[in-house]
N, C-alpha and C. Protein backbone atom coordinates (compact mmCIF):
# COMPACT_ATOMS: atom_id res chain seq x y z
N UNK A 1 124.22 18.12 101.43
CA UNK A 1 122.80 17.85 101.42
C UNK A 1 122.05 18.73 100.51
N UNK A 2 121.12 18.31 99.57
CA UNK A 2 120.43 19.08 98.55
C UNK A 2 119.37 19.67 99.30
N UNK A 3 118.72 20.92 98.96
CA UNK A 3 117.80 21.62 99.45
C UNK A 3 116.50 20.84 99.17
N UNK A 4 115.45 21.49 99.64
CA UNK A 4 114.06 21.07 99.45
C UNK A 4 113.41 21.79 98.17
N UNK A 5 112.73 21.06 97.56
CA UNK A 5 112.01 21.65 96.21
C UNK A 5 110.42 21.47 96.58
N UNK A 6 109.88 22.79 96.62
CA UNK A 6 108.32 22.88 96.94
C UNK A 6 107.73 23.01 95.59
N UNK A 7 106.97 22.41 95.11
CA UNK A 7 106.27 22.56 93.73
C UNK A 7 104.86 23.13 93.96
N UNK A 8 104.57 24.26 93.71
CA UNK A 8 103.03 24.62 93.90
C UNK A 8 102.32 24.56 92.45
N UNK A 9 101.33 23.76 92.44
CA UNK A 9 100.77 23.28 91.24
C UNK A 9 99.22 23.11 91.30
N UNK A 10 98.74 23.66 90.40
CA UNK A 10 97.05 23.19 90.36
C UNK A 10 96.67 23.66 88.86
N UNK A 11 95.65 22.76 88.22
CA UNK A 11 95.51 22.93 86.84
C UNK A 11 94.45 23.60 86.77
N UNK A 12 93.63 24.12 87.74
CA UNK A 12 92.45 25.18 87.58
C UNK A 12 93.31 26.62 87.62
N UNK A 13 92.90 27.42 86.82
CA UNK A 13 93.28 28.67 86.65
C UNK A 13 92.76 29.42 87.64
N UNK A 14 93.25 30.60 88.41
CA UNK A 14 92.52 31.49 89.41
C UNK A 14 92.59 30.87 90.69
N UNK A 15 93.38 29.79 91.05
CA UNK A 15 93.54 29.27 92.45
C UNK A 15 94.35 30.01 93.32
N UNK A 16 95.04 31.02 92.97
CA UNK A 16 95.91 31.49 93.73
C UNK A 16 97.19 30.87 93.90
N UNK A 17 97.61 30.21 92.83
CA UNK A 17 99.02 29.62 92.93
C UNK A 17 100.28 30.31 93.02
N UNK A 18 100.14 31.32 92.41
CA UNK A 18 101.27 32.24 92.36
C UNK A 18 101.42 33.12 93.49
N UNK A 19 100.31 33.59 94.16
CA UNK A 19 100.24 34.23 95.53
C UNK A 19 100.94 33.32 96.54
N UNK A 20 100.46 31.99 96.47
CA UNK A 20 100.82 31.04 97.54
C UNK A 20 102.19 30.94 97.43
N UNK A 21 102.80 30.70 96.03
CA UNK A 21 104.23 30.31 95.78
C UNK A 21 105.01 31.52 96.50
N UNK A 22 104.65 32.73 96.15
CA UNK A 22 105.30 34.10 96.72
C UNK A 22 105.30 34.11 98.26
N UNK A 23 104.17 33.73 98.70
CA UNK A 23 104.13 34.12 100.15
C UNK A 23 105.02 32.77 101.03
N UNK A 24 104.83 31.58 100.56
CA UNK A 24 105.75 30.63 100.98
C UNK A 24 107.39 30.97 101.08
N UNK A 25 107.58 31.39 99.89
CA UNK A 25 109.33 31.74 99.81
C UNK A 25 109.48 32.84 100.65
N UNK A 26 108.54 34.03 100.67
CA UNK A 26 108.86 35.04 101.47
C UNK A 26 109.09 34.29 103.23
N UNK A 27 107.95 33.80 103.43
CA UNK A 27 107.62 33.26 104.77
C UNK A 27 108.85 32.24 105.30
N UNK A 28 109.36 31.64 104.20
CA UNK A 28 110.77 30.44 104.73
C UNK A 28 112.05 31.24 104.53
N UNK A 29 112.14 32.42 103.91
CA UNK A 29 113.22 32.92 103.64
C UNK A 29 114.05 33.68 105.02
N UNK A 30 113.60 33.84 105.99
CA UNK A 30 114.41 34.28 107.29
C UNK A 30 115.34 33.03 107.81
N UNK A 31 116.23 33.21 107.83
CA UNK A 31 117.12 32.13 108.42
C UNK A 31 117.53 31.27 107.14
N UNK A 32 116.87 30.82 106.10
CA UNK A 32 117.05 29.98 104.94
C UNK A 32 117.30 30.71 103.54
N UNK A 33 118.11 29.98 103.00
CA UNK A 33 118.51 30.60 101.44
C UNK A 33 117.29 30.01 100.60
N UNK A 34 116.50 30.90 99.96
CA UNK A 34 115.37 30.35 99.06
C UNK A 34 115.54 31.08 97.70
N UNK A 35 115.05 30.07 96.88
CA UNK A 35 115.14 30.32 95.49
C UNK A 35 113.73 30.17 94.88
N UNK A 36 113.44 31.00 94.00
CA UNK A 36 111.98 30.75 93.44
C UNK A 36 112.15 30.71 91.69
N UNK A 37 111.42 29.55 91.42
CA UNK A 37 111.76 29.22 90.12
C UNK A 37 110.30 29.24 89.16
N UNK A 38 110.26 30.20 88.30
CA UNK A 38 108.93 30.39 87.61
C UNK A 38 108.97 29.61 86.34
N UNK A 39 108.09 28.53 86.21
CA UNK A 39 108.03 27.82 85.11
C UNK A 39 106.69 28.01 84.15
N UNK A 40 105.84 29.00 84.91
CA UNK A 40 104.48 29.17 84.23
C UNK A 40 104.80 30.07 83.03
N UNK A 41 104.51 29.69 81.83
CA UNK A 41 104.62 30.79 80.70
C UNK A 41 104.08 32.41 80.89
N UNK A 42 102.85 32.30 81.72
CA UNK A 42 102.38 33.79 81.80
C UNK A 42 103.41 34.64 82.63
N UNK A 43 104.06 34.13 83.49
CA UNK A 43 105.27 35.00 84.02
C UNK A 43 104.86 35.72 85.31
N UNK A 44 103.69 35.30 85.92
CA UNK A 44 103.17 36.20 86.95
C UNK A 44 104.21 36.26 88.16
N UNK A 45 104.86 35.18 88.35
CA UNK A 45 105.77 35.26 89.57
C UNK A 45 106.74 36.22 89.21
N UNK A 46 107.56 35.89 88.04
CA UNK A 46 108.50 36.96 87.42
C UNK A 46 107.90 38.47 87.65
N UNK A 47 106.97 38.64 87.31
CA UNK A 47 106.21 40.29 87.22
C UNK A 47 106.29 40.61 88.52
N UNK A 48 105.94 39.67 89.43
CA UNK A 48 105.84 39.89 90.96
C UNK A 48 107.32 40.34 91.35
N UNK A 49 108.52 39.56 90.99
CA UNK A 49 109.61 39.71 91.49
C UNK A 49 110.31 40.87 90.93
N UNK A 50 109.98 41.55 89.75
CA UNK A 50 110.48 42.68 89.17
C UNK A 50 109.97 43.65 89.80
N UNK A 51 108.65 43.83 90.13
CA UNK A 51 108.10 44.81 91.21
C UNK A 51 108.85 44.78 92.67
N UNK A 52 108.98 43.70 92.87
CA UNK A 52 109.71 43.56 94.34
C UNK A 52 111.29 44.20 94.17
N UNK A 53 111.88 43.95 93.13
CA UNK A 53 113.43 44.66 93.03
C UNK A 53 112.79 46.12 92.74
N UNK A 54 111.85 46.39 92.34
CA UNK A 54 111.75 48.16 92.44
C UNK A 54 111.57 48.62 93.66
N UNK A 55 110.73 47.65 94.25
CA UNK A 55 110.12 48.30 95.75
C UNK A 55 111.37 48.20 96.95
N UNK A 56 111.97 47.23 96.68
CA UNK A 56 113.08 46.96 97.83
C UNK A 56 114.45 47.17 97.38
N UNK A 57 114.64 47.14 96.16
CA UNK A 57 116.01 47.16 95.65
C UNK A 57 116.55 46.11 95.16
N UNK A 58 117.34 45.82 94.24
CA UNK A 58 117.90 44.40 93.62
C UNK A 58 118.48 43.60 94.62
N UNK A 59 119.15 44.44 95.61
CA UNK A 59 119.76 43.56 96.34
C UNK A 59 119.06 43.23 97.64
N UNK A 60 117.88 43.59 97.86
CA UNK A 60 117.22 43.33 99.20
C UNK A 60 115.96 42.43 99.03
N UNK A 61 115.83 41.85 98.09
CA UNK A 61 114.63 41.08 97.82
C UNK A 61 114.65 39.90 98.74
N UNK A 62 115.74 39.33 99.15
CA UNK A 62 115.84 38.29 100.03
C UNK A 62 115.66 36.64 99.30
N UNK A 63 115.57 36.73 98.03
CA UNK A 63 115.31 35.53 97.11
C UNK A 63 116.15 35.65 95.98
N UNK A 64 116.47 34.53 95.54
CA UNK A 64 116.82 34.24 94.14
C UNK A 64 115.89 33.76 93.00
N UNK A 65 115.70 34.56 92.09
CA UNK A 65 114.80 34.51 91.04
C UNK A 65 115.18 33.55 89.55
N UNK A 66 114.64 32.91 89.19
CA UNK A 66 114.99 32.36 87.67
C UNK A 66 113.89 31.81 86.96
N UNK A 67 114.03 31.37 85.85
CA UNK A 67 112.84 31.03 84.92
C UNK A 67 113.39 29.64 84.42
N UNK A 68 112.46 28.73 83.83
CA UNK A 68 112.61 27.64 82.96
C UNK A 68 111.42 27.12 82.34
N UNK A 69 111.74 26.16 81.42
CA UNK A 69 110.65 25.48 80.71
C UNK A 69 110.79 24.08 80.14
N UNK A 70 109.84 23.31 80.25
CA UNK A 70 110.02 22.18 79.50
C UNK A 70 111.04 21.26 80.55
N UNK A 71 111.92 20.45 80.06
CA UNK A 71 112.64 19.56 80.74
C UNK A 71 113.71 20.29 81.54
N UNK A 72 113.92 21.61 80.98
CA UNK A 72 114.74 22.54 81.88
C UNK A 72 114.48 22.98 83.07
N UNK A 73 113.01 22.89 83.20
CA UNK A 73 112.48 23.10 84.74
C UNK A 73 113.15 22.11 85.74
N UNK A 74 113.14 20.80 85.32
CA UNK A 74 113.90 19.90 86.22
C UNK A 74 115.02 19.88 86.67
N UNK A 75 115.89 20.37 85.55
CA UNK A 75 117.43 20.41 85.43
C UNK A 75 117.58 21.85 86.51
N UNK A 76 116.83 22.65 86.28
CA UNK A 76 117.11 23.83 86.87
C UNK A 76 116.85 23.85 88.54
N UNK A 77 115.71 23.36 88.75
CA UNK A 77 115.22 23.01 90.15
C UNK A 77 116.34 22.14 90.97
N UNK A 78 116.78 21.22 90.10
CA UNK A 78 117.85 20.33 90.81
C UNK A 78 119.36 21.15 91.14
N UNK A 79 119.61 22.00 90.16
CA UNK A 79 120.85 22.86 90.42
C UNK A 79 120.57 23.79 91.37
N UNK A 80 119.13 24.42 91.53
CA UNK A 80 119.20 25.51 92.43
C UNK A 80 119.21 24.79 93.88
N UNK A 81 118.75 23.64 94.10
CA UNK A 81 118.57 22.94 95.25
C UNK A 81 120.02 22.44 95.96
N UNK A 82 120.87 22.40 94.91
CA UNK A 82 122.43 22.41 95.45
C UNK A 82 122.98 23.54 96.12
N UNK A 83 122.32 24.79 95.88
CA UNK A 83 122.80 26.09 96.50
C UNK A 83 121.89 26.57 97.67
N UNK A 84 120.68 26.25 97.41
CA UNK A 84 119.64 26.77 98.19
C UNK A 84 118.87 25.87 99.13
N UNK A 85 118.51 26.33 100.41
CA UNK A 85 117.79 25.71 101.54
C UNK A 85 116.45 25.19 100.71
N UNK A 86 115.81 25.99 100.11
CA UNK A 86 114.60 25.68 99.62
C UNK A 86 114.56 26.31 98.14
N UNK A 87 113.59 25.42 97.15
CA UNK A 87 113.35 26.01 96.04
C UNK A 87 111.68 25.96 95.91
N UNK A 88 111.22 26.99 95.69
CA UNK A 88 109.62 27.16 95.39
C UNK A 88 109.45 27.13 93.95
N UNK A 89 108.75 26.25 93.55
CA UNK A 89 108.51 26.39 91.91
C UNK A 89 107.03 26.72 91.55
N UNK A 90 106.69 27.58 90.82
CA UNK A 90 105.30 27.85 90.25
C UNK A 90 105.27 27.25 88.94
N UNK A 91 104.18 26.47 88.73
CA UNK A 91 103.94 25.77 87.61
C UNK A 91 102.83 26.49 86.79
N UNK A 92 102.61 25.89 85.46
CA UNK A 92 101.47 26.32 84.77
C UNK A 92 100.37 25.97 85.13
N UNK A 93 99.22 26.78 84.99
CA UNK A 93 97.80 26.36 85.20
C UNK A 93 96.89 25.27 84.41
N UNK A 94 97.83 24.20 84.20
CA UNK A 94 97.31 23.01 83.34
C UNK A 94 98.28 21.90 83.62
N UNK A 95 97.83 20.65 83.50
CA UNK A 95 98.41 19.45 83.48
C UNK A 95 99.23 18.92 82.37
N UNK A 96 100.43 19.69 82.09
CA UNK A 96 101.06 19.51 80.68
C UNK A 96 102.65 19.01 80.96
N UNK A 97 103.35 18.68 80.06
CA UNK A 97 104.75 18.33 80.32
C UNK A 97 105.51 19.26 81.16
N UNK A 98 105.23 20.60 81.12
CA UNK A 98 105.94 21.60 82.00
C UNK A 98 105.88 21.15 83.46
N UNK A 99 104.49 20.82 83.74
CA UNK A 99 104.12 20.76 85.17
C UNK A 99 104.69 19.18 85.74
N UNK A 100 104.80 18.30 84.64
CA UNK A 100 105.24 17.02 84.90
C UNK A 100 106.76 17.07 85.20
N UNK A 101 107.83 17.72 84.54
CA UNK A 101 108.90 17.83 84.72
C UNK A 101 109.34 18.57 86.29
N UNK A 102 108.37 19.57 86.55
CA UNK A 102 108.44 20.22 87.80
C UNK A 102 108.18 19.27 88.89
N UNK A 103 107.29 18.56 88.63
CA UNK A 103 107.01 17.50 89.74
C UNK A 103 108.00 16.48 89.98
N UNK A 104 108.73 16.29 88.83
CA UNK A 104 109.85 15.06 89.13
C UNK A 104 110.75 15.32 90.10
N UNK A 105 111.03 16.43 90.52
CA UNK A 105 112.08 16.75 91.42
C UNK A 105 111.46 17.14 92.57
N UNK A 106 110.27 17.26 92.60
CA UNK A 106 109.58 17.78 94.10
C UNK A 106 109.93 17.13 95.36
N UNK A 107 110.31 17.83 96.28
CA UNK A 107 110.16 17.16 97.70
C UNK A 107 108.81 16.96 97.99
N UNK A 108 107.96 18.31 97.90
CA UNK A 108 106.47 18.29 98.32
C UNK A 108 105.79 18.87 97.34
N UNK A 109 104.38 18.62 96.87
CA UNK A 109 103.84 19.19 95.79
C UNK A 109 102.67 19.93 96.63
N UNK A 110 102.45 21.18 96.58
CA UNK A 110 101.45 22.12 97.43
C UNK A 110 100.55 22.70 96.33
N UNK A 111 99.20 22.20 96.81
CA UNK A 111 98.14 22.47 95.75
C UNK A 111 97.08 23.36 96.24
N UNK A 112 97.26 24.42 95.89
CA UNK A 112 96.11 25.49 96.48
C UNK A 112 94.58 25.04 96.05
N UNK A 113 93.65 25.04 96.72
CA UNK A 113 92.38 24.61 96.22
C UNK A 113 91.41 25.75 96.94
N UNK A 114 90.45 26.34 96.14
CA UNK A 114 89.34 27.12 96.87
C UNK A 114 88.10 26.31 97.17
N UNK A 115 87.52 26.41 98.18
CA UNK A 115 86.51 25.69 98.61
C UNK A 115 85.21 25.57 97.86
N UNK A 116 85.21 24.99 96.58
CA UNK A 116 84.25 24.77 95.67
C UNK A 116 84.38 23.48 95.08
N UNK A 117 83.37 22.92 94.54
CA UNK A 117 83.33 21.59 93.81
C UNK A 117 84.06 21.76 92.69
N UNK A 118 84.34 22.78 91.80
CA UNK A 118 84.86 22.69 90.60
C UNK A 118 86.17 22.72 90.80
N UNK A 119 86.73 23.33 91.98
CA UNK A 119 88.31 23.43 92.45
C UNK A 119 88.72 21.86 92.57
N UNK A 120 87.61 21.23 93.62
CA UNK A 120 87.90 19.87 93.90
C UNK A 120 87.98 18.97 92.63
N UNK A 121 87.18 19.09 91.75
CA UNK A 121 87.38 18.30 90.58
C UNK A 121 88.43 18.56 89.60
N UNK A 122 89.01 19.94 89.61
CA UNK A 122 89.98 20.06 88.70
C UNK A 122 91.42 19.53 89.48
N UNK A 123 91.39 19.49 90.76
CA UNK A 123 92.63 19.20 91.67
C UNK A 123 92.98 17.67 91.48
N UNK A 124 92.08 16.80 90.91
CA UNK A 124 92.13 15.38 90.64
C UNK A 124 93.38 15.17 89.73
N UNK A 125 93.43 15.85 88.63
CA UNK A 125 94.59 15.68 87.54
C UNK A 125 95.90 15.94 88.22
N UNK A 126 95.95 17.10 89.12
CA UNK A 126 97.28 17.54 89.67
C UNK A 126 97.75 16.43 90.74
N UNK A 127 96.70 15.82 91.52
CA UNK A 127 97.07 14.79 92.50
C UNK A 127 97.46 13.37 91.80
N UNK A 128 96.68 13.32 90.77
CA UNK A 128 97.25 11.85 89.88
C UNK A 128 98.59 12.13 89.42
N UNK A 129 99.00 13.22 88.77
CA UNK A 129 100.45 13.61 88.33
C UNK A 129 101.40 13.34 89.27
N UNK A 130 101.04 14.02 90.49
CA UNK A 130 102.06 13.94 91.65
C UNK A 130 102.32 12.55 92.10
N UNK A 131 101.16 11.62 92.23
CA UNK A 131 101.08 10.26 92.64
C UNK A 131 101.74 9.36 91.61
N UNK A 132 101.71 9.66 90.31
CA UNK A 132 102.25 8.93 89.14
C UNK A 132 103.91 9.30 89.32
N UNK A 133 104.43 10.40 89.87
CA UNK A 133 105.66 10.63 90.22
C UNK A 133 106.42 10.38 91.33
N UNK A 134 105.34 9.68 92.15
CA UNK A 134 105.63 9.29 93.47
C UNK A 134 106.13 10.29 94.31
N UNK A 135 105.36 11.48 94.45
CA UNK A 135 105.66 12.63 95.33
C UNK A 135 104.59 12.97 96.06
N UNK A 136 105.01 13.43 97.27
CA UNK A 136 103.85 13.68 98.24
C UNK A 136 103.11 14.98 98.02
N UNK A 137 101.75 15.07 97.88
CA UNK A 137 100.88 16.12 97.86
C UNK A 137 100.28 16.54 98.97
N UNK A 138 100.35 18.12 99.28
CA UNK A 138 99.32 18.62 100.36
C UNK A 138 98.49 19.77 99.71
N UNK A 139 97.27 19.60 100.06
CA UNK A 139 96.02 20.57 99.63
C UNK A 139 96.12 21.82 100.60
N UNK A 140 96.09 22.90 100.26
CA UNK A 140 95.99 24.13 101.01
C UNK A 140 94.61 24.72 100.62
N UNK A 141 93.59 24.91 101.51
CA UNK A 141 92.45 25.75 101.25
C UNK A 141 92.82 27.14 101.09
N UNK A 142 92.25 27.81 100.22
CA UNK A 142 92.68 29.21 99.61
C UNK A 142 91.38 30.18 99.50
N UNK A 143 91.52 31.31 99.89
CA UNK A 143 90.32 32.29 99.67
C UNK A 143 89.01 31.54 100.28
N UNK A 144 89.24 31.22 101.55
CA UNK A 144 88.19 30.72 102.38
C UNK A 144 87.17 31.71 102.68
N UNK A 145 86.00 31.86 102.34
CA UNK A 145 85.02 32.90 103.15
C UNK A 145 84.85 32.61 104.49
N UNK A 146 84.65 33.38 104.95
CA UNK A 146 84.29 33.31 106.65
C UNK A 146 82.80 32.62 106.72
N UNK A 147 82.75 32.03 107.82
CA UNK A 147 81.25 31.23 108.18
C UNK A 147 80.56 30.75 106.88
N UNK A 148 81.18 29.81 106.28
CA UNK A 148 80.40 29.17 105.07
C UNK A 148 80.50 27.74 105.42
N UNK A 149 79.23 27.08 105.26
CA UNK A 149 79.07 25.68 105.39
C UNK A 149 79.64 24.73 104.20
N UNK A 150 79.86 25.53 103.35
CA UNK A 150 80.74 24.67 101.94
C UNK A 150 82.04 24.36 102.25
N UNK A 151 82.59 24.97 103.02
CA UNK A 151 84.32 24.67 103.51
C UNK A 151 84.09 23.55 104.09
N UNK A 152 83.20 23.17 105.15
CA UNK A 152 82.97 22.03 106.01
C UNK A 152 82.62 20.93 104.83
N UNK A 153 81.82 21.09 104.20
CA UNK A 153 81.31 20.13 103.15
C UNK A 153 82.77 19.72 102.25
N UNK A 154 83.45 20.88 101.82
CA UNK A 154 84.79 20.52 101.00
C UNK A 154 86.04 19.73 101.77
N UNK A 155 86.13 20.08 102.99
CA UNK A 155 86.82 19.36 103.92
C UNK A 155 86.43 17.91 103.85
N UNK A 156 85.09 17.60 104.06
CA UNK A 156 84.42 16.31 104.04
C UNK A 156 84.86 15.45 102.91
N UNK A 157 84.59 16.12 101.70
CA UNK A 157 84.80 15.67 100.43
C UNK A 157 86.40 15.28 100.15
N UNK A 158 87.34 16.25 100.41
CA UNK A 158 88.76 16.02 100.40
C UNK A 158 89.08 14.91 101.27
N UNK A 159 88.60 14.64 102.34
CA UNK A 159 88.91 13.41 103.10
C UNK A 159 88.68 12.21 102.42
N UNK A 160 87.45 12.16 101.65
CA UNK A 160 86.91 11.07 101.06
C UNK A 160 87.81 10.84 99.59
N UNK A 161 88.24 12.09 99.33
CA UNK A 161 89.34 12.04 98.09
C UNK A 161 90.45 11.14 98.43
N UNK A 162 90.83 11.00 99.71
CA UNK A 162 91.98 10.29 99.97
C UNK A 162 93.48 11.33 99.85
N UNK A 163 93.08 12.86 99.80
CA UNK A 163 94.20 13.51 99.97
C UNK A 163 94.75 14.10 101.24
N UNK A 164 95.63 14.67 101.48
CA UNK A 164 96.01 15.34 102.94
C UNK A 164 95.94 16.75 102.61
N UNK A 165 95.22 17.26 103.73
CA UNK A 165 94.69 18.63 103.67
C UNK A 165 95.49 19.35 104.87
N UNK A 166 96.21 20.64 104.44
CA UNK A 166 96.77 21.15 105.69
C UNK A 166 95.54 21.76 106.54
N UNK A 167 95.94 21.82 107.99
CA UNK A 167 94.98 22.44 108.87
C UNK A 167 94.90 23.76 108.56
N UNK A 168 96.04 24.41 108.44
CA UNK A 168 95.72 26.02 108.36
C UNK A 168 95.38 26.36 107.04
N UNK A 169 94.71 27.52 106.89
CA UNK A 169 94.17 27.79 105.55
C UNK A 169 94.33 29.41 105.11
N UNK A 170 93.93 29.65 104.27
CA UNK A 170 94.26 31.33 103.89
C UNK A 170 92.71 31.76 103.61
N UNK A 171 92.48 32.93 104.10
CA UNK A 171 91.28 33.46 104.05
C UNK A 171 90.99 34.12 102.77
N UNK A 172 89.66 34.82 102.57
CA UNK A 172 89.36 35.49 101.32
C UNK A 172 89.60 36.92 101.53
N UNK A 173 90.81 37.28 101.38
CA UNK A 173 91.24 38.57 102.07
C UNK A 173 92.18 39.33 101.01
N UNK A 174 91.64 40.55 100.78
CA UNK A 174 92.06 41.66 99.71
C UNK A 174 93.67 41.94 99.69
N UNK A 175 93.97 41.48 101.24
CA UNK A 175 95.39 41.91 101.70
C UNK A 175 96.57 41.32 100.76
N UNK A 176 96.18 40.18 100.54
CA UNK A 176 96.98 39.21 99.78
C UNK A 176 97.32 39.69 98.38
N UNK A 177 96.17 40.04 97.71
CA UNK A 177 96.52 40.53 96.36
C UNK A 177 96.90 42.02 96.35
N UNK A 178 96.59 42.70 97.43
CA UNK A 178 97.00 44.22 97.47
C UNK A 178 98.65 44.18 97.43
N UNK A 179 98.79 43.13 98.26
CA UNK A 179 100.41 43.21 98.69
C UNK A 179 101.24 42.66 97.36
N UNK A 180 100.87 41.73 96.69
CA UNK A 180 101.53 41.23 95.60
C UNK A 180 101.48 42.42 94.53
N UNK A 181 100.74 43.36 94.43
CA UNK A 181 100.80 44.37 93.48
C UNK A 181 101.95 45.14 93.47
N UNK A 182 102.44 45.29 94.93
CA UNK A 182 103.77 46.10 94.93
C UNK A 182 104.98 45.28 95.20
N UNK A 183 104.75 43.96 94.81
CA UNK A 183 106.00 42.98 94.78
C UNK A 183 106.33 42.54 96.28
N UNK A 184 105.44 42.70 96.98
CA UNK A 184 105.57 42.23 98.41
C UNK A 184 104.64 40.93 98.72
N UNK A 185 104.74 40.74 100.09
CA UNK A 185 103.56 39.95 100.63
C UNK A 185 102.92 40.59 101.90
N UNK A 186 101.96 39.94 102.43
CA UNK A 186 101.38 40.27 103.41
C UNK A 186 102.40 40.28 104.80
N UNK A 187 103.15 39.57 104.53
CA UNK A 187 104.01 38.90 105.64
C UNK A 187 105.21 40.74 105.82
N UNK A 188 105.03 41.17 104.89
CA UNK A 188 105.91 42.42 104.80
C UNK A 188 104.85 43.68 104.87
N UNK A 189 103.82 43.63 103.98
CA UNK A 189 103.09 44.90 104.10
C UNK A 189 102.06 45.05 105.20
N UNK A 190 101.83 44.08 105.89
CA UNK A 190 100.68 43.96 106.76
C UNK A 190 101.03 42.91 107.88
N UNK A 191 102.22 42.99 108.54
CA UNK A 191 102.71 42.00 109.49
C UNK A 191 101.75 41.67 110.55
N UNK A 192 100.97 42.34 111.18
CA UNK A 192 100.39 42.00 112.41
C UNK A 192 98.85 41.64 111.95
N UNK A 193 98.74 41.30 110.64
CA UNK A 193 97.29 40.99 110.26
C UNK A 193 97.02 39.48 110.39
N UNK A 194 95.58 39.52 110.21
CA UNK A 194 95.16 37.96 110.24
C UNK A 194 95.65 37.17 108.98
N UNK A 195 96.09 37.90 107.97
CA UNK A 195 96.35 37.53 106.74
C UNK A 195 97.79 36.88 106.80
N UNK A 196 98.53 37.81 107.38
CA UNK A 196 100.04 37.24 107.54
C UNK A 196 100.07 36.15 108.65
N UNK A 197 99.27 35.99 109.78
CA UNK A 197 99.45 34.77 110.59
C UNK A 197 99.16 33.59 109.77
N UNK A 198 97.99 33.79 109.00
CA UNK A 198 97.64 32.56 108.02
C UNK A 198 98.66 32.05 107.04
N UNK A 199 99.30 33.11 106.55
CA UNK A 199 100.56 32.79 105.52
C UNK A 199 101.41 32.16 106.37
N UNK A 200 101.99 32.82 107.48
CA UNK A 200 103.26 31.94 108.36
C UNK A 200 102.50 30.41 108.99
N UNK A 201 101.33 30.32 109.35
CA UNK A 201 100.90 29.20 109.75
C UNK A 201 101.05 27.83 108.63
N UNK A 202 100.70 28.42 107.26
CA UNK A 202 100.76 27.72 106.04
C UNK A 202 102.42 27.17 105.84
N UNK A 203 103.04 28.32 105.89
CA UNK A 203 104.64 28.06 105.52
C UNK A 203 104.97 26.89 106.67
N UNK A 204 104.65 27.14 107.94
CA UNK A 204 105.20 26.45 109.09
C UNK A 204 104.74 24.98 108.79
N UNK A 205 103.58 24.85 108.42
CA UNK A 205 103.00 23.37 107.96
C UNK A 205 103.92 22.82 107.06
N UNK A 206 103.99 23.60 105.85
CA UNK A 206 104.87 23.21 104.79
C UNK A 206 105.98 22.76 105.16
N UNK A 207 107.10 23.60 105.86
CA UNK A 207 108.30 23.31 106.37
C UNK A 207 108.41 22.34 107.38
N UNK A 208 107.51 21.79 107.91
CA UNK A 208 107.38 20.78 108.91
C UNK A 208 107.38 19.66 108.00
N UNK A 209 106.60 19.47 107.18
CA UNK A 209 106.62 18.33 106.14
C UNK A 209 107.70 18.12 105.55
N UNK A 210 108.44 19.11 105.20
CA UNK A 210 109.87 19.03 104.34
C UNK A 210 110.78 18.30 105.29
N UNK A 211 110.89 18.47 106.48
CA UNK A 211 111.37 17.77 107.30
C UNK A 211 111.49 16.53 107.68
N UNK A 212 110.26 16.09 107.30
CA UNK A 212 109.95 14.49 107.85
C UNK A 212 110.91 13.59 106.91
């Protein structure tokens, strides 16, 4: 049986897409074989992985890493899914052919979205692309500030948007970016933190949807 492919996609840059992809991969890796595929020409996930190798050692990353572009992204994701339980794909921050090819093989499209109207508007293109490919999409609220009315307004707007929103969310926490700088995640650098609990909760939600 083929593994599950999680494509993390968002047209708007700065949404925390790569950070979410890395945290999902690490959170799912205990007990599962996980590969990560970087389709983003910026190579941020690749840079994170290289730092991870330097921090943990090449044999101790717990993940398989590879890159691809264009139609090759579709082929590579499918090939990895034959050998791994989960393949996490990081896509470019724009709705182009590279993103479309990555969505074609997705079991689930995960879309990080910050609680702002601009992010919601930008998300429409990603959701439309996923729908066109017949792939289910899940929105994950990211960088959520504490005690803000805008978040409540956003959840209402998303509901009217007809999109599926994950109940767990990621807070606006420095720990996420700080851990990435060392090639780690908060699940490793700050295991008992609220940030780690949030990341685990989102990964658990995603995994549950992959099994449906």
